[in-house]
Structure formats: C-alpha cells, structure tokens
C-alpha cells in the first residue's frame, strides 16, 4: 500500500499531520507501507524532517492508494476514485461543505471521516480531544493569572511542544481558588492531566461545595452531578442520553463556590444548559473565568456567544448586559476562553498522539484486518453513493 500525506489546503492552514516523520518510518518498517509527502511550508514538521527519515516528497500523489490529511481538502484538489481520510465536517449537514460532499460523490471517492471511525457500539476511537482538554485548561489557568495579575504564561501556540509548556507551568502560583472540570471523556482527561502537572488537589463534588481549603483544588463533575429528572425520579443514565429534555440542570449549586470552569463535556442541544444568563447575574455567581473547551456557540455555556482565536483567546462577557466585551479582564466581566481549534496550539504533540491512535486502531483495518467493519462504518460515501449509515445526507447533497 502507498499512503500520501496531504498538504493542508484549507485556509487558515492547519499545522497538524496524520503521521509524524518517526511514525512514517514505523509504517514503512512494520507494515510495508510506502509514504509519500506533499511538500508544505506551514506544517509543524518540516519537509527536511520527512526527508531525513527517507520519505519521498512530491506534489503529485495520484499514485497513492490512500490520501490522508487533517482538515477539508479543497474541492479542486480531490483525485477521483481514491480513499481519503480527513475531518470532512459534513455529517451535521454543514452548509459550507455541501459542495465538497457533492464532489466526493461525483468523483467516486471513498470518504473515511476520522470523526466517524467508531467501535461497533459507535463510540469514537480516534480524535484530538485529549489535547483540546490540555490546551483549553492551560488557557483557562493562563487567563486566571492574567486577570488577577498573578503570573503571565507564554501562550501554548508559542511553545515548541509540551516540554516548553511544562516549563511555563512552573510560573504558576495559585491562591486557594476552586476549579471545575465537566465531563469524563478524552477532553476532560486532557484537562485533568494538565491540572495534574500543576499538582492541584482533587476533591469530591461534596467537598467542593461544603469545605474551604488553604490550597487550590478542583473537582470533576459528571452529568449526574448537575442534572436531575424533572419528575423527581432517580437518575437514569440511559434515559438522560435518550431523552435529555426530561432533565433540568442543578449546576447552580456549584457556581457560588467555583472560580474557574473548564467545560469539557459533550452537550446535546435537547439537554438543559449548565446555567442560564439570568443565573449569571446573581451575586452568588462567583465564576470569574470560563474555559469553554467544547466551544458550542450559544450552547451549554450562555457566555460563549462567539468563538475566540488562538492569537486572541479571551474576551469578556458582561453578565448584567448579556453582551460580549473586548476587555477580557475588566472587573465587571467574566473572562471567556472559547478557541474552537485548540489542538492546533500544540501541533507536534497532538499530531504524535493522533498518529499513534491511527497506527494502533486504523492501519490494520485499512490493510484488511477489519473483522468489525471499521473502515466501512467510518465511510460516508463510496463508489459514488452514500453509505447506508449516512443516507440521511441525501437531501443535503441533492
């Protein structure tokens, strides 16, 4: 098999890669896969780094069996009849990618979307979420330091890798503040890993709301910690995921005790928001910094009214007026971090982690060892047709 690593054509250019140079060596040695690399001036790993390990760099990748990138491939660059891997951002019928989906069908491309690679129970097996949690929480801690003049961390995107991030973390001196992490998936695990680097003590939700501490602490909240059935019955996990509209939020019991929220939990639009704008007006709402790692605009966190950017990660939200503010650290506002492409801030590390998952979980299936049908299950279209799982997109492409 021959795999081609695509140059990221979408603007702004993503610096991440599906495989690092070292992983390309592993692919060639362990799986007898030849790797061709399209030259790029902006990816996190230079052309010379790929050349140094024996990868061939060339513009024309038409001889490859499989083409792999990160973000959407420009429509004009799609090669008919090939297998493509990238994040297509089409499965929610995103309007801006309708023409891309039409071209994938017209050119009889097998579109295997990373987001759709799941186990037989449809749990995602690969993604960048872990690094979103790490970087998002780093940004939240950085924002807290800037807001109160405690420390000034270098932005993660200006760090070469996690080694430099860890060096920056040595500057952090926190008072006896309290932080909440929501969720229990790979994003939340990334947040907890970052807090572990800071040696911040973990406490239970009960301890968080009932005790004072002489040091910084954090708690992790699961869905059952801040949601309850409207009818007063006991918590039922399956019911919550099937009918979240039957539940109400109890998150308000935590906000009088929290200084920072790192929001890492998936949110269903049918589910209640964590809190409402009216709740944020209360004098008991103590939260001063919200790192919304999920970045659902006008979603579960009402103050996330717009995304922020890697270079300008913070903006203010005035709870009394309900309006955003360019002054992210004014006394009257809550500092919001809502960067929607957080893993791009540490492209070398996040690419390395992503490539390891690809090699472990996807490459064997791609080579034919696929008893569970991983590749077909992750394919949106093939041979000019939508795959059965994605036939709901038929009105989107017509």
Protein backbone atom coordinates (compact mmCIF):
# COMPACT_ATOMS: atom_id res chain seq x y z
CA UNK A 1 0.00 0.00 0.00
CA UNK A 2 1.05 3.56 -0.67
CA UNK A 3 -0.17 6.40 1.57
CA UNK A 4 0.08 10.07 0.68
CA UNK A 5 0.21 12.77 3.36
CA UNK A 6 -1.62 15.80 2.04
CA UNK A 7 -0.55 19.40 2.38
CA UNK A 8 -3.28 21.26 4.28
CA UNK A 9 -5.02 23.42 1.72
CA UNK A 10 -7.79 24.92 3.81
CA UNK A 11 -7.11 28.49 4.97
CA UNK A 12 -6.09 29.26 7.64
CA UNK A 13 -3.62 26.42 7.27
CA UNK A 14 -3.61 23.70 9.89
CA UNK A 15 -0.14 22.71 11.12
CA UNK A 16 -1.10 19.21 12.25
CA UNK A 17 -0.32 15.99 10.36
CA UNK A 18 -1.80 12.48 10.41
CA UNK A 19 1.68 10.95 10.83
CA UNK A 20 4.93 12.39 12.16
CA UNK A 21 8.22 11.59 10.40
CA UNK A 22 9.07 8.96 13.03
CA UNK A 23 5.67 7.31 12.50
CA UNK A 24 6.25 7.22 8.74
CA UNK A 25 9.37 5.14 9.44
CA UNK A 26 7.24 2.78 11.54
CA UNK A 27 4.64 2.45 8.78
CA UNK A 28 7.30 1.53 6.25
CA UNK A 29 9.18 -0.85 8.56
CA UNK A 30 6.32 -2.61 10.35
CA UNK A 31 3.55 -2.54 7.74
CA UNK A 32 5.49 -2.30 4.46
CA UNK A 33 3.59 0.90 3.61
CA UNK A 34 5.30 3.41 1.37
CA UNK A 35 4.66 7.02 2.43
CA UNK A 36 4.74 9.98 0.04
CA UNK A 37 4.55 13.51 1.43
CA UNK A 38 3.27 16.59 -0.35
CA UNK A 39 5.68 19.49 0.39
CA UNK A 40 4.38 22.15 2.78
CA UNK A 41 5.80 25.36 4.19
CA UNK A 42 3.41 25.50 7.14
CA UNK A 43 3.07 22.09 8.76
CA UNK A 44 4.60 21.62 12.22
CA UNK A 45 7.10 19.08 10.85
CA UNK A 46 9.31 20.48 8.13
CA UNK A 47 9.94 18.98 4.71
CA UNK A 48 13.53 18.29 5.79
CA UNK A 49 12.33 16.29 8.80
CA UNK A 50 10.41 13.98 6.47
CA UNK A 51 13.32 13.75 4.01
CA UNK A 52 15.68 12.86 6.85
CA UNK A 53 13.76 9.65 7.58
CA UNK A 54 13.55 8.59 3.94
CA UNK A 55 10.12 9.86 2.93
CA UNK A 56 9.71 10.92 -0.68
CA UNK A 57 8.38 14.46 -1.13
CA UNK A 58 6.41 15.16 -4.29
CA UNK A 59 3.46 17.25 -5.44
CA UNK A 60 1.68 14.53 -7.40
CA UNK A 61 0.10 11.96 -5.08
CA UNK A 62 -2.07 10.30 -7.72
CA UNK A 63 -0.08 7.07 -7.43
CA UNK A 64 -1.16 6.66 -3.78
CA UNK A 65 -3.89 4.23 -2.73
CA UNK A 66 -4.87 6.30 0.32
CA UNK A 67 -4.63 10.05 0.89
CA UNK A 68 -4.64 11.41 4.44
CA UNK A 69 -4.92 14.96 5.77
CA UNK A 70 -6.49 16.75 8.71
CA UNK A 71 -8.98 19.42 7.56
CA UNK A 72 -11.19 19.54 4.47
CA UNK A 73 -9.41 19.05 1.15
CA UNK A 74 -10.11 21.82 -1.40
CA UNK A 75 -12.62 20.53 -3.96
CA UNK A 76 -10.33 21.26 -6.91
CA UNK A 77 -7.58 19.08 -5.43
CA UNK A 78 -9.65 15.90 -4.96
CA UNK A 79 -8.36 12.95 -7.01
CA UNK A 80 -11.19 10.73 -8.34
CA UNK A 81 -11.52 7.15 -7.19
CA UNK A 82 -9.23 7.41 -4.16
CA UNK A 83 -9.66 6.65 -0.48
CA UNK A 84 -9.47 9.84 1.59
CA UNK A 85 -9.14 10.33 5.34
CA UNK A 86 -9.80 13.78 6.85
CA UNK A 87 -12.29 15.65 9.01
CA UNK A 88 -14.92 16.49 6.38
CA UNK A 89 -17.31 18.42 8.66
CA UNK A 90 -20.29 17.24 6.62
CA UNK A 91 -22.18 14.79 8.85
CA UNK A 92 -24.17 17.59 10.51
CA UNK A 93 -25.10 18.94 7.07
CA UNK A 94 -22.77 21.90 7.45
CA UNK A 95 -23.85 24.31 4.69
CA UNK A 96 -20.33 25.49 3.84
CA UNK A 97 -19.26 21.94 2.92
CA UNK A 98 -22.25 20.94 0.82
CA UNK A 99 -20.31 21.33 -2.44
CA UNK A 100 -17.42 19.32 -1.01
CA UNK A 101 -19.79 16.44 -0.25
CA UNK A 102 -21.24 16.66 -3.75
CA UNK A 103 -17.74 16.43 -5.26
CA UNK A 104 -16.84 13.44 -3.10
CA UNK A 105 -19.87 11.64 -4.53
CA UNK A 106 -19.31 12.80 -8.10
CA UNK A 107 -15.65 11.74 -8.08
CA UNK A 108 -16.50 8.33 -6.56
CA UNK A 109 -14.20 8.90 -3.60
CA UNK A 110 -14.35 6.72 -0.52
CA UNK A 111 -14.56 9.38 2.20
CA UNK A 112 -13.46 7.97 5.56
CA UNK A 113 -14.05 10.63 8.18
CA UNK A 114 -11.95 10.43 11.36
CA UNK A 115 -14.98 11.58 13.30
CA UNK A 116 -16.93 8.56 12.05
CA UNK A 117 -14.35 5.92 12.98
CA UNK A 118 -16.11 4.10 15.80
CA UNK A 119 -16.27 0.77 17.56
CA UNK A 120 -19.34 -1.44 16.92
CA UNK A 121 -21.20 0.45 19.67
CA UNK A 122 -20.49 3.71 17.78
CA UNK A 123 -18.06 5.13 20.32
CA UNK A 124 -15.37 7.24 18.64
CA UNK A 125 -11.95 5.61 18.71
CA UNK A 126 -9.75 8.45 17.49
CA UNK A 127 -9.51 12.22 17.81
CA UNK A 128 -7.67 15.27 19.08
CA UNK A 129 -9.90 15.76 22.12
CA UNK A 130 -7.22 14.94 24.69
CA UNK A 131 -5.06 17.84 23.54
CA UNK A 132 -8.07 20.12 23.34
CA UNK A 133 -8.53 19.46 27.05
CA UNK A 134 -4.87 20.06 27.83
CA UNK A 135 -4.58 23.32 25.87
CA UNK A 136 -8.01 24.63 26.84
CA UNK A 137 -7.30 24.19 30.55
CA UNK A 138 -3.84 25.71 30.13
CA UNK A 139 -5.54 28.71 28.54
CA UNK A 140 -8.01 28.88 31.41
CA UNK A 141 -5.22 28.91 34.00
CA UNK A 142 -3.35 31.49 31.92
CA UNK A 143 -6.46 33.67 31.78
CA UNK A 144 -6.90 33.44 35.55
CA UNK A 145 -3.28 34.53 36.06
CA UNK A 146 -3.68 37.49 33.69
CA UNK A 147 -6.99 38.57 35.17
CA UNK A 148 -5.63 38.83 38.70
CA UNK A 149 -2.04 39.78 37.87
CA UNK A 150 -0.66 36.56 39.39
CA UNK A 151 1.52 35.29 36.53
CA UNK A 152 1.94 35.68 32.78
CA UNK A 153 2.27 32.38 30.92
CA UNK A 154 3.51 32.23 27.36
CA UNK A 155 0.66 31.21 25.02
CA UNK A 156 0.72 27.49 24.22
CA UNK A 157 0.99 28.19 20.49
CA UNK A 158 4.28 29.98 21.11
CA UNK A 159 5.70 26.90 22.83
CA UNK A 160 7.59 24.39 20.70
CA UNK A 161 5.99 21.39 22.42
CA UNK A 162 4.68 20.07 25.75
CA UNK A 163 8.16 20.22 27.26
CA UNK A 164 8.09 24.01 26.95
CA UNK A 165 4.51 24.13 28.23
CA UNK A 166 5.59 22.27 31.36
CA UNK A 167 8.38 24.79 31.85
CA UNK A 168 5.82 27.60 31.66
CA UNK A 169 3.68 25.90 34.27
CA UNK A 170 6.48 26.34 36.80
CA UNK A 171 5.49 30.03 36.91
CA UNK A 172 2.03 29.21 38.22
CA UNK A 173 1.34 30.16 41.84
CA UNK A 174 -2.35 29.81 42.63
CA UNK A 175 -4.24 31.05 45.68
CA UNK A 176 -6.87 28.87 47.36
CA UNK A 177 -9.15 29.02 44.31
CA UNK A 178 -11.58 26.34 43.15
CA UNK A 179 -11.88 24.90 39.64
CA UNK A 180 -14.48 22.66 37.99
CA UNK A 181 -13.85 20.20 35.14
CA UNK A 182 -17.02 18.93 33.44
CA UNK A 183 -17.15 15.63 31.58
CA UNK A 184 -15.44 12.25 31.67
CA UNK A 185 -14.23 11.69 28.11
CA UNK A 186 -10.88 12.23 26.43
CA UNK A 187 -11.29 16.03 26.57
CA UNK A 188 -11.86 16.00 30.33
CA UNK A 189 -8.98 13.56 30.76
CA UNK A 190 -6.72 16.06 29.00
CA UNK A 191 -7.87 18.80 31.36
CA UNK A 192 -7.18 16.59 34.38
CA UNK A 193 -3.73 15.71 33.03
CA UNK A 194 -2.88 19.43 32.85
CA UNK A 195 -4.12 20.02 36.40
CA UNK A 196 -2.02 17.05 37.49
CA UNK A 197 1.07 18.79 36.11
CA UNK A 198 0.22 21.67 38.45
CA UNK A 199 -0.25 19.28 41.38
CA UNK A 200 -3.66 20.74 42.10
CA UNK A 201 -5.53 18.70 44.68
CA UNK A 202 -8.65 16.85 43.54
CA UNK A 203 -11.73 16.84 45.80
CA UNK A 204 -15.19 15.31 45.58
CA UNK A 205 -18.17 17.42 44.44
CA UNK A 206 -19.46 17.32 48.04
CA UNK A 207 -16.17 18.55 49.45
CA UNK A 208 -16.08 21.24 46.76
CA UNK A 209 -19.37 22.78 47.88
CA UNK A 210 -19.10 22.17 51.62
CA UNK A 211 -15.48 22.81 52.62
CA UNK A 212 -12.90 25.58 52.40
CA UNK A 213 -9.29 24.83 51.56
CA UNK A 214 -5.95 26.54 52.03
CA UNK A 215 -4.80 25.48 48.56
CA UNK A 216 -6.15 25.40 45.02
CA UNK A 217 -8.48 22.44 44.41
CA UNK A 218 -10.57 21.07 41.58
CA UNK A 219 -13.46 18.67 41.20
CA UNK A 220 -14.68 16.67 38.22
CA UNK A 221 -18.40 16.75 37.51
CA UNK A 222 -20.25 14.07 35.55
CA UNK A 223 -23.70 14.52 34.03
CA UNK A 224 -25.40 13.05 37.09
CA UNK A 225 -23.70 15.62 39.32
CA UNK A 226 -25.54 18.54 37.74
CA UNK A 227 -28.67 17.14 36.10
CA UNK A 228 -31.80 15.61 37.59
CA UNK A 229 -35.11 14.29 36.20
CA UNK A 230 -37.86 16.88 36.10
CA UNK A 231 -40.34 14.37 37.50
CA UNK A 232 -38.34 13.79 40.69
CA UNK A 233 -37.39 10.19 39.94
CA UNK A 234 -33.90 8.77 40.39
CA UNK A 235 -31.05 9.41 37.96
CA UNK A 236 -31.16 7.13 34.93
CA UNK A 237 -28.13 7.36 32.64
CA UNK A 238 -29.78 5.71 29.62
CA UNK A 239 -32.82 7.90 29.96
CA UNK A 240 -30.66 11.02 30.14
CA UNK A 241 -28.85 10.20 26.90
CA UNK A 242 -32.05 9.21 25.09
CA UNK A 243 -34.30 11.97 26.44
CA UNK A 244 -32.19 14.78 27.91
CA UNK A 245 -35.14 17.13 27.53
CA UNK A 246 -36.72 15.33 30.52
CA UNK A 247 -33.99 16.70 32.81
CA UNK A 248 -33.15 20.03 34.44
CA UNK A 249 -29.79 21.44 35.46
CA UNK A 250 -28.69 21.70 39.09
CA UNK A 251 -25.35 23.30 38.21
CA UNK A 252 -26.29 26.44 40.16
CA UNK A 253 -25.34 24.67 43.40
CA UNK A 254 -21.68 24.76 42.26
CA UNK A 255 -21.34 28.30 40.89
CA UNK A 256 -21.22 30.06 44.29
CA UNK A 257 -18.09 28.01 45.06
CA UNK A 258 -16.21 27.98 41.74
CA UNK A 259 -13.65 30.46 40.42
CA UNK A 260 -12.84 28.72 37.12
CA UNK A 261 -14.80 26.31 34.92
CA UNK A 262 -13.07 24.12 32.33
CA UNK A 263 -16.08 22.89 30.36
CA UNK A 264 -15.15 19.63 28.61
CA UNK A 265 -18.48 17.79 28.46
CA UNK A 266 -20.39 16.91 25.31
CA UNK A 267 -23.72 18.73 25.15
CA UNK A 268 -26.88 17.64 23.36
CA UNK A 269 -28.96 20.66 22.23
CA UNK A 270 -32.01 18.93 23.73
CA UNK A 271 -30.34 18.91 27.16
CA UNK A 272 -30.56 21.79 29.65
CA UNK A 273 -27.82 24.37 29.65
CA UNK A 274 -25.47 24.29 32.61
CA UNK A 275 -26.94 27.61 33.71
CA UNK A 276 -28.86 30.48 32.17
CA UNK A 277 -27.90 34.11 31.56
CA UNK A 278 -30.20 35.10 34.42
CA UNK A 279 -28.21 32.85 36.79
CA UNK A 280 -25.02 34.66 35.84
CA UNK A 281 -26.46 37.97 37.08
CA UNK A 282 -26.76 36.65 40.63
CA UNK A 283 -24.27 37.96 43.23
CA UNK A 284 -23.76 34.31 44.19
CA UNK A 285 -22.32 33.52 40.75
CA UNK A 286 -18.63 33.52 41.71
CA UNK A 287 -17.08 32.22 38.48
CA UNK A 288 -14.57 34.67 37.00
CA UNK A 289 -13.02 32.59 34.19
CA UNK A 290 -14.74 30.09 31.88
CA UNK A 291 -12.60 27.96 29.59
CA UNK A 292 -15.24 26.56 27.24
CA UNK A 293 -13.24 23.79 25.60
CA UNK A 294 -16.33 22.46 23.83
CA UNK A 295 -16.97 25.89 22.26
CA UNK A 296 -20.66 25.34 21.50
CA UNK A 297 -21.73 28.81 20.39
CA UNK A 298 -24.88 29.86 22.26
CA UNK A 299 -24.90 26.35 23.68
CA UNK A 300 -24.46 24.88 27.13
CA UNK A 301 -22.49 27.91 28.39
CA UNK A 302 -24.53 31.10 27.75
CA UNK A 303 -21.48 33.37 27.82
CA UNK A 304 -19.99 31.60 24.79
CA UNK A 305 -21.56 33.95 22.28
CA UNK A 306 -18.75 33.69 19.71
CA UNK A 307 -15.51 31.76 19.18
CA UNK A 308 -12.18 33.30 20.08
CA UNK A 309 -8.93 32.72 18.22
CA UNK A 310 -5.57 31.18 19.01
CA UNK A 311 -3.87 34.58 18.94
CA UNK A 312 -6.73 36.34 20.80
CA UNK A 313 -8.10 33.59 23.04
CA UNK A 314 -10.03 35.70 25.56
CA UNK A 315 -12.98 38.03 25.51
CA UNK A 316 -15.22 39.38 28.23
CA UNK A 317 -18.88 38.65 28.90
CA UNK A 318 -20.86 41.16 30.92
CA UNK A 319 -23.49 39.17 32.83
CA UNK A 320 -25.57 42.27 33.61
CA UNK A 321 -25.94 43.36 29.97
CA UNK A 322 -25.57 39.93 28.35
CA UNK A 323 -23.10 41.40 25.87
CA UNK A 324 -19.53 40.41 24.93
CA UNK A 325 -16.67 42.82 25.59
CA UNK A 326 -13.24 43.27 24.03
CA UNK A 327 -11.86 43.91 27.53
CA UNK A 328 -11.48 40.32 28.72
CA UNK A 329 -10.20 41.18 32.20
CA UNK A 330 -12.40 44.08 33.36
CA UNK A 331 -13.90 43.75 36.83
CA UNK A 332 -17.47 43.72 35.57
CA UNK A 333 -16.99 40.89 33.03
CA UNK A 334 -16.41 37.16 33.12
CA UNK A 335 -13.31 36.12 31.19
CA UNK A 336 -14.25 33.67 28.41
CA UNK A 337 -11.87 31.39 26.51
CA UNK A 338 -13.63 29.79 23.52
CA UNK A 339 -10.98 28.78 20.98
CA UNK A 340 -12.50 26.26 18.58
CA UNK A 341 -9.27 24.66 17.29
CA UNK A 342 -7.28 24.17 20.48
CA UNK A 343 -5.14 21.15 19.42
CA UNK A 344 -3.59 23.37 16.73
CA UNK A 345 -1.76 25.23 19.51
CA UNK A 346 0.45 22.17 20.13
CA UNK A 347 0.56 20.63 16.66
CA UNK A 348 3.66 18.47 17.16
CA UNK A 349 2.39 16.75 20.29
CA UNK A 350 -1.22 16.44 19.19
CA UNK A 351 -0.12 15.00 15.81
CA UNK A 352 2.09 12.45 17.53
CA UNK A 353 -0.79 11.31 19.75
CA UNK A 354 -3.21 11.18 16.82
CA UNK A 355 -0.78 9.21 14.64
CA UNK A 356 -0.26 6.62 17.38
CA UNK A 357 -4.00 6.02 17.53
CA UNK A 358 -4.18 5.71 13.75
CA UNK A 359 -1.37 3.14 13.69
CA UNK A 360 -2.83 1.13 16.54
CA UNK A 361 -6.53 1.21 15.66
CA UNK A 362 -6.94 2.04 11.97
CA UNK A 363 -3.95 0.92 9.88
CA UNK A 364 -4.50 -2.83 10.50
CA UNK A 365 -8.13 -2.46 9.37
CA UNK A 366 -7.05 -0.47 6.33
CA UNK A 367 -4.72 -3.32 5.38
CA UNK A 368 -7.57 -5.84 5.50
CA UNK A 369 -7.65 -6.98 9.13
CA UNK A 370 -11.08 -5.49 9.72
CA UNK A 371 -13.45 -8.09 11.20
CA UNK A 372 -15.70 -5.41 12.76
CA UNK A 373 -16.07 -3.37 9.57
CA UNK A 374 -14.34 -0.29 10.96
CA UNK A 375 -13.45 1.23 7.58
CA UNK A 376 -16.90 0.84 6.01
CA UNK A 377 -18.56 2.04 9.20
CA UNK A 378 -16.42 5.18 9.07
CA UNK A 379 -17.04 5.77 5.34
CA UNK A 380 -19.55 8.47 4.48
CA UNK A 381 -19.58 7.65 0.78
CA UNK A 382 -18.08 5.08 -1.58
CA UNK A 383 -18.33 4.35 -5.33
CA UNK A 384 -20.48 7.41 -5.95
CA UNK A 385 -23.09 6.59 -3.28
CA UNK A 386 -23.75 7.45 0.33
CA UNK A 387 -23.10 4.55 2.67
CA UNK A 388 -26.23 3.21 4.45
CA UNK A 389 -25.35 4.84 7.77
CA UNK A 390 -25.22 8.25 6.07
CA UNK A 391 -28.17 8.08 3.71
CA UNK A 392 -29.78 10.80 5.81
CA UNK A 393 -27.44 13.20 3.93
CA UNK A 394 -29.22 12.55 0.63
CA UNK A 395 -31.24 15.77 0.80
CA UNK A 396 -28.06 17.63 1.77
CA UNK A 397 -26.18 16.59 -1.39
CA UNK A 398 -29.12 16.89 -3.81
